[in-house]
Amino acid sequence: MKRNRWVNLAVVGAVLALMPIGASHAEGERVLTAAEISDALAGNTFSGVFGEENTRYAQRNHRNGMAVVNIEGTPARLIPWFVEEPGSYCEDWAESGVICYRISRDDSSGKHFFQRPNGTVSEFVVQKGFQPFTFE
């Protein structure tokens, strides 16, 4: 089961990597630039859910390019992360490879979203600094 969650995460990330630049799903929502992605995620904690099982995750992105990822039901792990121009957020999942995708934000609400090529989105929450990320 643990392996399946890692595989599911890789599949979700691979699907996200295919989305077109500039896609959005709501008025006021826009795709972030590389600089905006770095500003939003470096040194901060973000969390959300993924997959059909709505598996919870939380992640701390350190400014040095390493992230501590906690996926519910699995041990925390370290992964490299980076941003590429013009605005791709990427993670290196070793056995699954590098996964890159777009991030958008609704400027009026401050909500962040991962965008998928089929037009669906998943919301995630960004918290300033390194916050606890246990699932209680």
C-alpha atoms as a PDB file:
ATOM      1  CA  MET A   1       0.000   0.000   0.000  1.00  0.00           C
ATOM      2  CA  LYS A   2       2.813   2.413   0.818  1.00  0.00           C
ATOM      3  CA  ARG A   3       4.402   1.866  -2.581  1.00  0.00           C
ATOM      4  CA  ASN A   4       1.060   2.510  -4.264  1.00  0.00           C
ATOM      5  CA  ARG A   5       0.819   5.931  -2.625  1.00  0.00           C
ATOM      6  CA  TRP A   6       4.262   6.881  -3.978  1.00  0.00           C
ATOM      7  CA  VAL A   7       3.254   5.601  -7.393  1.00  0.00           C
ATOM      8  CA  ASN A   8      -0.038   7.531  -7.164  1.00  0.00           C
ATOM      9  CA  LEU A   9       1.881  10.693  -6.294  1.00  0.00           C
ATOM     10  CA  ALA A  10       4.174  10.183  -9.263  1.00  0.00           C
ATOM     11  CA  VAL A  11       1.209   9.655 -11.572  1.00  0.00           C
ATOM     12  CA  VAL A  12      -0.526  12.776 -10.250  1.00  0.00           C
ATOM     13  CA  GLY A  13       2.667  14.758 -10.739  1.00  0.00           C
ATOM     14  CA  ALA A  14       3.185  13.394 -14.248  1.00  0.00           C
ATOM     15  CA  VAL A  15      -0.339  14.428 -15.193  1.00  0.00           C
ATOM     16  CA  LEU A  16       0.247  17.879 -13.721  1.00  0.00           C
ATOM     17  CA  ALA A  17       3.427  18.243 -15.769  1.00  0.00           C
ATOM     18  CA  LEU A  18       1.458  18.186 -18.999  1.00  0.00           C
ATOM     19  CA  MET A  19      -0.673  21.275 -18.343  1.00  0.00           C
ATOM     20  CA  PRO A  20      -0.380  24.233 -20.717  1.00  0.00           C
ATOM     21  CA  ILE A  21       1.204  27.535 -19.704  1.00  0.00           C
ATOM     22  CA  GLY A  22      -1.332  30.195 -18.820  1.00  0.00           C
ATOM     23  CA  ALA A  23      -4.226  27.860 -18.041  1.00  0.00           C
ATOM     24  CA  SER A  24      -6.643  28.888 -15.332  1.00  0.00           C
ATOM     25  CA  HIS A  25     -10.022  27.786 -14.070  1.00  0.00           C
ATOM     26  CA  ALA A  26     -11.595  30.892 -12.560  1.00  0.00           C
ATOM     27  CA  GLU A  27     -11.754  34.613 -13.127  1.00  0.00           C
ATOM     28  CA  GLY A  28      -8.974  36.281 -11.144  1.00  0.00           C
ATOM     29  CA  GLU A  29      -6.842  33.134 -11.132  1.00  0.00           C
ATOM     30  CA  ARG A  30      -3.501  33.257 -12.882  1.00  0.00           C
ATOM     31  CA  VAL A  31      -0.493  31.009 -13.408  1.00  0.00           C
ATOM     32  CA  LEU A  32       2.461  32.067 -11.272  1.00  0.00           C
ATOM     33  CA  THR A  33       5.836  33.017 -12.706  1.00  0.00           C
ATOM     34  CA  ALA A  34       9.003  31.266 -11.574  1.00  0.00           C
ATOM     35  CA  ALA A  35       9.811  34.145  -9.196  1.00  0.00           C
ATOM     36  CA  GLU A  36       6.301  34.078  -7.720  1.00  0.00           C
ATOM     37  CA  ILE A  37       6.471  30.313  -7.191  1.00  0.00           C
ATOM     38  CA  SER A  38       9.805  30.667  -5.375  1.00  0.00           C
ATOM     39  CA  ASP A  39       8.461  33.522  -3.237  1.00  0.00           C
ATOM     40  CA  ALA A  40       5.341  31.527  -2.319  1.00  0.00           C
ATOM     41  CA  LEU A  41       6.962  28.170  -1.547  1.00  0.00           C
ATOM     42  CA  ALA A  42      10.593  28.693  -0.471  1.00  0.00           C
ATOM     43  CA  GLY A  43      10.878  28.615   3.305  1.00  0.00           C
ATOM     44  CA  ASN A  44       7.196  27.786   3.753  1.00  0.00           C
ATOM     45  CA  THR A  45       4.862  24.853   4.398  1.00  0.00           C
ATOM     46  CA  PHE A  46       2.089  23.785   2.051  1.00  0.00           C
ATOM     47  CA  SER A  47      -0.526  21.048   2.260  1.00  0.00           C
ATOM     48  CA  GLY A  48      -3.488  19.523   0.468  1.00  0.00           C
ATOM     49  CA  VAL A  49      -4.855  16.208  -0.802  1.00  0.00           C
ATOM     50  CA  PHE A  50      -4.217  14.087  -3.902  1.00  0.00           C
ATOM     51  CA  GLY A  51      -5.561  10.991  -5.616  1.00  0.00           C
ATOM     52  CA  GLU A  52      -8.891   9.234  -5.591  1.00  0.00           C
ATOM     53  CA  GLU A  53      -8.372   8.347  -1.928  1.00  0.00           C
ATOM     54  CA  ASN A  54      -7.912  12.055  -1.043  1.00  0.00           C
ATOM     55  CA  THR A  55      -4.603  11.275   0.622  1.00  0.00           C
ATOM     56  CA  ARG A  56      -3.379  14.172   2.728  1.00  0.00           C
ATOM     57  CA  TYR A  57       0.128  15.557   2.358  1.00  0.00           C
ATOM     58  CA  ALA A  58       2.159  18.377   3.872  1.00  0.00           C
ATOM     59  CA  GLN A  59       5.483  19.672   2.675  1.00  0.00           C
ATOM     60  CA  ARG A  60       8.147  22.044   3.938  1.00  0.00           C
ATOM     61  CA  ASN A  61      10.203  23.563   1.123  1.00  0.00           C
ATOM     62  CA  HIS A  62      13.584  24.685   2.397  1.00  0.00           C
ATOM     63  CA  ARG A  63      15.315  27.533   0.579  1.00  0.00           C
ATOM     64  CA  ASN A  64      18.305  25.274  -0.146  1.00  0.00           C
ATOM     65  CA  GLY A  65      16.229  23.224  -2.609  1.00  0.00           C
ATOM     66  CA  MET A  66      15.316  20.331  -0.318  1.00  0.00           C
ATOM     67  CA  ALA A  67      11.773  19.556   0.773  1.00  0.00           C
ATOM     68  CA  VAL A  68      10.529  17.434   3.659  1.00  0.00           C
ATOM     69  CA  VAL A  69       7.398  15.659   2.420  1.00  0.00           C
ATOM     70  CA  ASN A  70       4.899  13.964   4.712  1.00  0.00           C
ATOM     71  CA  ILE A  71       2.256  11.866   2.957  1.00  0.00           C
ATOM     72  CA  GLU A  72      -0.357  10.447   5.296  1.00  0.00           C
ATOM     73  CA  GLY A  73       0.399   6.830   6.149  1.00  0.00           C
ATOM     74  CA  THR A  74       4.005   6.869   4.881  1.00  0.00           C
ATOM     75  CA  PRO A  75       7.326   7.894   6.407  1.00  0.00           C
ATOM     76  CA  ALA A  76       8.440  11.458   5.722  1.00  0.00           C
ATOM     77  CA  ARG A  77      11.060  11.758   3.018  1.00  0.00           C
ATOM     78  CA  LEU A  78      13.451  14.328   1.569  1.00  0.00           C
ATOM     79  CA  ILE A  79      13.202  15.347  -2.081  1.00  0.00           C
ATOM     80  CA  PRO A  80      14.941  18.048  -4.121  1.00  0.00           C
ATOM     81  CA  TRP A  81      12.699  20.796  -5.516  1.00  0.00           C
ATOM     82  CA  PHE A  82      13.367  23.624  -7.966  1.00  0.00           C
ATOM     83  CA  VAL A  83      11.654  26.144 -10.209  1.00  0.00           C
ATOM     84  CA  GLU A  84      12.240  26.561 -13.940  1.00  0.00           C
ATOM     85  CA  GLU A  85      11.392  29.464 -16.236  1.00  0.00           C
ATOM     86  CA  PRO A  86       8.880  30.577 -17.273  1.00  0.00           C
ATOM     87  CA  GLY A  87       7.010  29.108 -14.304  1.00  0.00           C
ATOM     88  CA  SER A  88       7.307  25.379 -13.660  1.00  0.00           C
ATOM     89  CA  TYR A  89       7.518  23.969 -10.145  1.00  0.00           C
ATOM     90  CA  CYS A  90       9.521  20.711 -10.154  1.00  0.00           C
ATOM     91  CA  GLU A  91      10.273  17.914  -7.708  1.00  0.00           C
ATOM     92  CA  ASP A  92      12.769  15.053  -8.122  1.00  0.00           C
ATOM     93  CA  TRP A  93      11.124  11.829  -6.956  1.00  0.00           C
ATOM     94  CA  ALA A  94      14.223   9.701  -7.790  1.00  0.00           C
ATOM     95  CA  GLU A  95      12.694   6.391  -8.939  1.00  0.00           C
ATOM     96  CA  SER A  96       9.727   8.214 -10.536  1.00  0.00           C
ATOM     97  CA  GLY A  97      11.851  10.965 -12.060  1.00  0.00           C
ATOM     98  CA  VAL A  98      11.486  14.740 -12.100  1.00  0.00           C
ATOM     99  CA  ILE A  99       7.889  15.942 -12.049  1.00  0.00           C
ATOM    100  CA  CYS A 100       7.080  19.540 -13.073  1.00  0.00           C
ATOM    101  CA  TYR A 101       3.744  21.359 -13.079  1.00  0.00           C
ATOM    102  CA  ARG A 102       2.127  24.784 -12.956  1.00  0.00           C
ATOM    103  CA  ILE A 103       0.817  26.602  -9.926  1.00  0.00           C
ATOM    104  CA  SER A 104      -1.876  29.228 -10.031  1.00  0.00           C
ATOM    105  CA  ARG A 105      -3.288  31.616  -7.461  1.00  0.00           C
ATOM    106  CA  ASP A 106      -6.570  33.418  -7.120  1.00  0.00           C
ATOM    107  CA  ASP A 107      -5.307  36.897  -6.268  1.00  0.00           C
ATOM    108  CA  SER A 108      -8.613  37.975  -4.701  1.00  0.00           C
ATOM    109  CA  SER A 109      -8.767  35.066  -2.228  1.00  0.00           C
ATOM    110  CA  GLY A 110      -5.061  34.164  -2.007  1.00  0.00           C
ATOM    111  CA  LYS A 111      -5.860  30.481  -2.688  1.00  0.00           C
ATOM    112  CA  HIS A 112      -3.286  28.372  -4.551  1.00  0.00           C
ATOM    113  CA  PHE A 113      -3.969  25.562  -7.031  1.00  0.00           C
ATOM    114  CA  PHE A 114      -2.141  22.780  -8.853  1.00  0.00           C
ATOM    115  CA  GLN A 115      -3.430  22.742 -12.426  1.00  0.00           C
ATOM    116  CA  ARG A 116      -4.019  19.650 -14.559  1.00  0.00           C
ATOM    117  CA  PRO A 117      -4.174  19.477 -18.372  1.00  0.00           C
ATOM    118  CA  ASN A 118      -7.769  18.221 -18.302  1.00  0.00           C
ATOM    119  CA  GLY A 119      -8.859  21.459 -16.633  1.00  0.00           C
ATOM    120  CA  THR A 120      -9.281  20.086 -13.117  1.00  0.00           C
ATOM    121  CA  VAL A 121      -7.497  21.704 -10.224  1.00  0.00           C
ATOM    122  CA  SER A 122      -6.687  20.893  -6.620  1.00  0.00           C
ATOM    123  CA  GLU A 123      -6.374  23.542  -3.984  1.00  0.00           C
ATOM    124  CA  PHE A 124      -3.498  23.669  -1.553  1.00  0.00           C
ATOM    125  CA  VAL A 125      -2.784  25.851   1.440  1.00  0.00           C
ATOM    126  CA  VAL A 126       0.458  27.792   1.901  1.00  0.00           C
ATOM    127  CA  GLN A 127       1.534  28.692   5.435  1.00  0.00           C
ATOM    128  CA  LYS A 128       4.420  31.033   6.186  1.00  0.00           C
ATOM    129  CA  GLY A 129       7.469  29.393   7.738  1.00  0.00           C
ATOM    130  CA  PHE A 130       7.838  25.801   8.820  1.00  0.00           C
ATOM    131  CA  GLN A 131       4.635  24.578  10.430  1.00  0.00           C
ATOM    132  CA  PRO A 132       3.892  21.230  12.092  1.00  0.00           C
ATOM    133  CA  PHE A 133       2.662  18.747   9.528  1.00  0.00           C
ATOM    134  CA  THR A 134       1.193  15.829  11.389  1.00  0.00           C
ATOM    135  CA  PHE A 135      -2.198  14.364  10.498  1.00  0.00           C
ATOM    136  CA  GLU A 136      -4.264  14.325  13.669  1.00  0.00           C
END
